[in-house]
Amino acid sequence: MTLPVIFRARAEVELLEARAWYDEQQPGRGALFAKAVEDAIDQIAETPLAYPRVDDETRRAIVRTYRYLVYYRVRSHDIVILTIVHGHRNPSRWQSRG
């Protein structure tokens, strides 16, 4: 059973900002980035426990082709996307999003 996915407001903003940045680099590239994130989130929804834990409740998935990480938490009735950050940013940054 696939759980519904809910984005924290900040995660949505991060996704939109990253998409805009990729579009500035090359028109259309933002859509490719957004599709890669969507694919990662679809995989998270299908197999949420398959990804490594970074603490007791938070897990991390890698967005293929891009150096972005999706931090999320699995709850009994849904999955919460906490943050979507570039892999070269401070790895503890997601902790302030809990």
N, C-alpha and C. Protein backbone atom coordinates (compact mmCIF):
# COMPACT_ATOMS: atom_id res chain seq x y z
N MET A 1 0.84 -1.18 0.00
CA MET A 1 0.00 0.00 0.00
C MET A 1 0.89 1.25 0.00
N THR A 2 0.61 2.15 -0.90
CA THR A 2 1.37 3.39 -1.00
C THR A 2 0.79 4.43 -0.06
N LEU A 3 1.63 5.01 0.75
CA LEU A 3 1.19 6.05 1.67
C LEU A 3 1.15 7.41 0.97
N PRO A 4 0.22 8.27 1.36
CA PRO A 4 0.21 9.62 0.79
C PRO A 4 1.43 10.40 1.25
N VAL A 5 1.88 11.30 0.38
CA VAL A 5 3.06 12.11 0.66
C VAL A 5 2.64 13.56 0.89
N ILE A 6 3.15 14.12 1.97
CA ILE A 6 2.85 15.51 2.34
C ILE A 6 4.17 16.26 2.39
N PHE A 7 4.19 17.45 1.79
CA PHE A 7 5.39 18.29 1.80
C PHE A 7 5.26 19.34 2.90
N ARG A 8 6.31 19.50 3.66
CA ARG A 8 6.39 20.69 4.52
C ARG A 8 6.54 21.89 3.60
N ALA A 9 6.07 23.03 4.03
CA ALA A 9 6.11 24.23 3.20
C ALA A 9 7.52 24.54 2.71
N ARG A 10 8.49 24.41 3.59
CA ARG A 10 9.87 24.72 3.22
C ARG A 10 10.38 23.78 2.14
N ALA A 11 10.00 22.51 2.18
CA ALA A 11 10.42 21.56 1.16
C ALA A 11 9.87 21.94 -0.20
N GLU A 12 8.64 22.40 -0.24
CA GLU A 12 8.05 22.87 -1.51
C GLU A 12 8.83 24.05 -2.06
N VAL A 13 9.17 25.00 -1.19
CA VAL A 13 9.94 26.17 -1.61
C VAL A 13 11.31 25.75 -2.14
N GLU A 14 11.96 24.83 -1.45
CA GLU A 14 13.28 24.36 -1.89
C GLU A 14 13.20 23.70 -3.27
N LEU A 15 12.16 22.93 -3.49
CA LEU A 15 11.97 22.28 -4.78
C LEU A 15 11.77 23.32 -5.88
N LEU A 16 10.92 24.30 -5.63
CA LEU A 16 10.67 25.35 -6.63
C LEU A 16 11.92 26.19 -6.90
N GLU A 17 12.67 26.51 -5.86
CA GLU A 17 13.90 27.29 -6.03
C GLU A 17 14.93 26.52 -6.84
N ALA A 18 15.09 25.23 -6.55
CA ALA A 18 16.06 24.42 -7.29
C ALA A 18 15.63 24.27 -8.75
N ARG A 19 14.34 24.07 -8.96
CA ARG A 19 13.84 23.97 -10.34
C ARG A 19 14.11 25.25 -11.11
N ALA A 20 13.86 26.39 -10.49
CA ALA A 20 14.11 27.68 -11.14
C ALA A 20 15.60 27.85 -11.45
N TRP A 21 16.45 27.44 -10.52
CA TRP A 21 17.89 27.55 -10.75
C TRP A 21 18.32 26.72 -11.96
N TYR A 22 17.82 25.48 -12.05
CA TYR A 22 18.18 24.64 -13.19
C TYR A 22 17.65 25.23 -14.49
N ASP A 23 16.47 25.82 -14.46
CA ASP A 23 15.93 26.47 -15.66
C ASP A 23 16.77 27.68 -16.08
N GLU A 24 17.33 28.39 -15.12
CA GLU A 24 18.22 29.51 -15.43
C GLU A 24 19.49 29.02 -16.12
N GLN A 25 19.97 27.86 -15.71
CA GLN A 25 21.18 27.31 -16.30
C GLN A 25 20.93 26.85 -17.74
N GLN A 26 19.76 26.23 -17.94
CA GLN A 26 19.40 25.73 -19.26
C GLN A 26 17.88 25.56 -19.30
N PRO A 27 17.20 26.29 -20.17
CA PRO A 27 15.74 26.17 -20.24
C PRO A 27 15.31 24.71 -20.43
N GLY A 28 14.32 24.31 -19.64
CA GLY A 28 13.82 22.94 -19.69
C GLY A 28 14.49 22.00 -18.70
N ARG A 29 15.65 22.38 -18.23
CA ARG A 29 16.36 21.49 -17.29
C ARG A 29 15.65 21.42 -15.94
N GLY A 30 14.94 22.49 -15.57
CA GLY A 30 14.18 22.48 -14.32
C GLY A 30 13.11 21.41 -14.31
N ALA A 31 12.47 21.22 -15.45
CA ALA A 31 11.43 20.18 -15.55
C ALA A 31 12.05 18.79 -15.39
N LEU A 32 13.24 18.61 -15.96
CA LEU A 32 13.93 17.33 -15.80
C LEU A 32 14.29 17.07 -14.34
N PHE A 33 14.75 18.13 -13.67
CA PHE A 33 15.07 18.02 -12.25
C PHE A 33 13.81 17.66 -11.45
N ALA A 34 12.71 18.38 -11.71
CA ALA A 34 11.47 18.12 -10.98
C ALA A 34 10.98 16.69 -11.21
N LYS A 35 11.16 16.18 -12.42
CA LYS A 35 10.76 14.80 -12.72
C LYS A 35 11.63 13.82 -11.93
N ALA A 36 12.93 14.09 -11.82
CA ALA A 36 13.81 13.22 -11.05
C ALA A 36 13.41 13.21 -9.58
N VAL A 37 13.05 14.38 -9.04
CA VAL A 37 12.59 14.45 -7.65
C VAL A 37 11.27 13.68 -7.50
N GLU A 38 10.37 13.87 -8.45
CA GLU A 38 9.08 13.15 -8.42
C GLU A 38 9.31 11.65 -8.43
N ASP A 39 10.22 11.18 -9.28
CA ASP A 39 10.53 9.74 -9.32
C ASP A 39 11.07 9.25 -7.99
N ALA A 40 11.95 10.04 -7.36
CA ALA A 40 12.50 9.65 -6.05
C ALA A 40 11.39 9.58 -5.01
N ILE A 41 10.49 10.54 -5.04
CA ILE A 41 9.40 10.56 -4.06
C ILE A 41 8.42 9.42 -4.32
N ASP A 42 8.19 9.08 -5.58
CA ASP A 42 7.36 7.92 -5.89
C ASP A 42 7.97 6.64 -5.31
N GLN A 43 9.28 6.51 -5.41
CA GLN A 43 9.96 5.34 -4.84
C GLN A 43 9.87 5.34 -3.31
N ILE A 44 9.99 6.52 -2.73
CA ILE A 44 9.84 6.64 -1.27
C ILE A 44 8.44 6.18 -0.87
N ALA A 45 7.43 6.62 -1.60
CA ALA A 45 6.04 6.26 -1.28
C ALA A 45 5.81 4.76 -1.41
N GLU A 46 6.47 4.14 -2.39
CA GLU A 46 6.32 2.70 -2.61
C GLU A 46 7.04 1.86 -1.55
N THR A 47 8.25 2.29 -1.20
CA THR A 47 9.07 1.51 -0.25
C THR A 47 9.75 2.46 0.74
N PRO A 48 8.98 3.07 1.61
CA PRO A 48 9.53 4.11 2.49
C PRO A 48 10.60 3.62 3.47
N LEU A 49 10.56 2.36 3.82
CA LEU A 49 11.52 1.85 4.80
C LEU A 49 12.80 1.34 4.15
N ALA A 50 12.90 1.43 2.84
CA ALA A 50 14.07 0.93 2.12
C ALA A 50 15.26 1.87 2.17
N TYR A 51 15.03 3.09 2.59
CA TYR A 51 16.09 4.10 2.59
C TYR A 51 16.72 4.22 3.97
N PRO A 52 18.00 4.60 4.00
CA PRO A 52 18.70 4.63 5.29
C PRO A 52 18.19 5.71 6.24
N ARG A 53 18.24 5.36 7.50
CA ARG A 53 17.91 6.33 8.55
C ARG A 53 19.10 7.25 8.78
N VAL A 54 18.77 8.50 9.08
CA VAL A 54 19.82 9.44 9.47
C VAL A 54 19.67 9.80 10.95
N ASP A 55 18.55 9.43 11.52
CA ASP A 55 18.33 9.47 12.96
C ASP A 55 17.17 8.53 13.26
N ASP A 56 16.63 8.58 14.45
CA ASP A 56 15.58 7.62 14.83
C ASP A 56 14.36 7.66 13.93
N GLU A 57 13.98 8.83 13.44
CA GLU A 57 12.74 8.96 12.68
C GLU A 57 12.93 9.40 11.23
N THR A 58 14.06 9.98 10.90
CA THR A 58 14.25 10.58 9.59
C THR A 58 15.07 9.68 8.68
N ARG A 59 14.64 9.63 7.41
CA ARG A 59 15.34 8.84 6.39
C ARG A 59 15.76 9.77 5.26
N ARG A 60 16.66 9.26 4.42
CA ARG A 60 17.19 10.06 3.32
C ARG A 60 17.22 9.25 2.03
N ALA A 61 16.73 9.88 0.96
CA ALA A 61 16.81 9.27 -0.38
C ALA A 61 17.59 10.21 -1.29
N ILE A 62 18.29 9.63 -2.23
CA ILE A 62 19.07 10.41 -3.19
C ILE A 62 18.27 10.57 -4.48
N VAL A 63 18.29 11.79 -5.02
CA VAL A 63 17.66 12.05 -6.31
C VAL A 63 18.67 11.68 -7.39
N ARG A 64 18.34 10.70 -8.19
CA ARG A 64 19.25 10.22 -9.23
C ARG A 64 19.61 11.33 -10.21
N THR A 65 20.83 11.30 -10.68
CA THR A 65 21.39 12.23 -11.66
C THR A 65 21.71 13.60 -11.06
N TYR A 66 21.07 13.94 -9.98
CA TYR A 66 21.28 15.24 -9.35
C TYR A 66 21.87 15.00 -7.97
N ARG A 67 22.52 15.99 -7.45
CA ARG A 67 23.14 15.83 -6.13
C ARG A 67 22.21 16.35 -5.04
N TYR A 68 20.96 15.96 -5.12
CA TYR A 68 19.98 16.40 -4.13
C TYR A 68 19.56 15.23 -3.26
N LEU A 69 19.20 15.56 -2.03
CA LEU A 69 18.75 14.58 -1.05
C LEU A 69 17.36 14.95 -0.58
N VAL A 70 16.53 13.94 -0.40
CA VAL A 70 15.18 14.13 0.14
C VAL A 70 15.16 13.54 1.54
N TYR A 71 14.92 14.38 2.52
CA TYR A 71 14.80 13.92 3.91
C TYR A 71 13.32 13.83 4.24
N TYR A 72 12.93 12.71 4.85
CA TYR A 72 11.51 12.48 5.11
C TYR A 72 11.31 11.64 6.37
N ARG A 73 10.08 11.65 6.82
CA ARG A 73 9.68 10.81 7.96
C ARG A 73 8.46 10.00 7.57
N VAL A 74 8.45 8.76 8.01
CA VAL A 74 7.32 7.87 7.78
C VAL A 74 6.46 7.88 9.04
N ARG A 75 5.19 8.20 8.84
CA ARG A 75 4.24 8.12 9.96
C ARG A 75 3.24 7.02 9.64
N SER A 76 2.38 6.72 10.56
CA SER A 76 1.46 5.60 10.35
C SER A 76 0.51 5.81 9.18
N HIS A 77 0.18 7.04 8.87
CA HIS A 77 -0.83 7.31 7.84
C HIS A 77 -0.30 8.11 6.64
N ASP A 78 0.98 8.55 6.70
CA ASP A 78 1.54 9.31 5.58
C ASP A 78 3.05 9.40 5.67
N ILE A 79 3.62 10.04 4.67
CA ILE A 79 5.06 10.32 4.61
C ILE A 79 5.20 11.83 4.53
N VAL A 80 6.06 12.39 5.36
CA VAL A 80 6.26 13.84 5.37
C VAL A 80 7.64 14.15 4.80
N ILE A 81 7.65 14.93 3.72
CA ILE A 81 8.90 15.39 3.13
C ILE A 81 9.34 16.61 3.94
N LEU A 82 10.47 16.49 4.61
CA LEU A 82 10.96 17.56 5.48
C LEU A 82 11.73 18.62 4.71
N THR A 83 12.63 18.16 3.84
CA THR A 83 13.48 19.08 3.10
C THR A 83 14.04 18.40 1.87
N ILE A 84 14.37 19.22 0.88
CA ILE A 84 15.03 18.75 -0.33
C ILE A 84 16.24 19.66 -0.50
N VAL A 85 17.44 19.11 -0.29
CA VAL A 85 18.64 19.94 -0.29
C VAL A 85 19.72 19.36 -1.17
N HIS A 86 20.59 20.23 -1.62
CA HIS A 86 21.74 19.80 -2.41
C HIS A 86 22.68 19.03 -1.50
N GLY A 87 23.25 17.97 -2.01
CA GLY A 87 24.11 17.11 -1.22
C GLY A 87 25.38 17.76 -0.71
N HIS A 88 25.79 18.87 -1.30
CA HIS A 88 27.00 19.55 -0.83
C HIS A 88 26.72 20.56 0.27
N ARG A 89 25.47 20.75 0.60
CA ARG A 89 25.15 21.63 1.72
C ARG A 89 25.42 20.90 3.02
N ASN A 90 25.43 21.66 4.09
CA ASN A 90 25.67 21.09 5.41
C ASN A 90 24.68 19.95 5.67
N PRO A 91 25.15 18.72 5.88
CA PRO A 91 24.24 17.59 6.06
C PRO A 91 23.37 17.69 7.30
N SER A 92 23.73 18.50 8.26
CA SER A 92 22.89 18.62 9.45
C SER A 92 21.78 19.66 9.26
N ARG A 93 21.75 20.30 8.09
CA ARG A 93 20.75 21.33 7.83
C ARG A 93 19.30 20.83 7.96
N TRP A 94 19.08 19.60 7.56
CA TRP A 94 17.72 19.05 7.62
C TRP A 94 17.21 18.98 9.06
N GLN A 95 18.11 18.89 10.02
CA GLN A 95 17.71 18.73 11.42
C GLN A 95 16.91 19.91 11.93
N SER A 96 17.14 21.07 11.38
CA SER A 96 16.38 22.25 11.81
C SER A 96 14.98 22.26 11.23
N ARG A 97 14.66 21.25 10.39
CA ARG A 97 13.35 21.21 9.75
C ARG A 97 12.37 20.29 10.44
N GLY A 98 12.85 19.56 11.48
CA GLY A 98 12.04 18.57 12.16
C GLY A 98 10.77 19.09 12.67
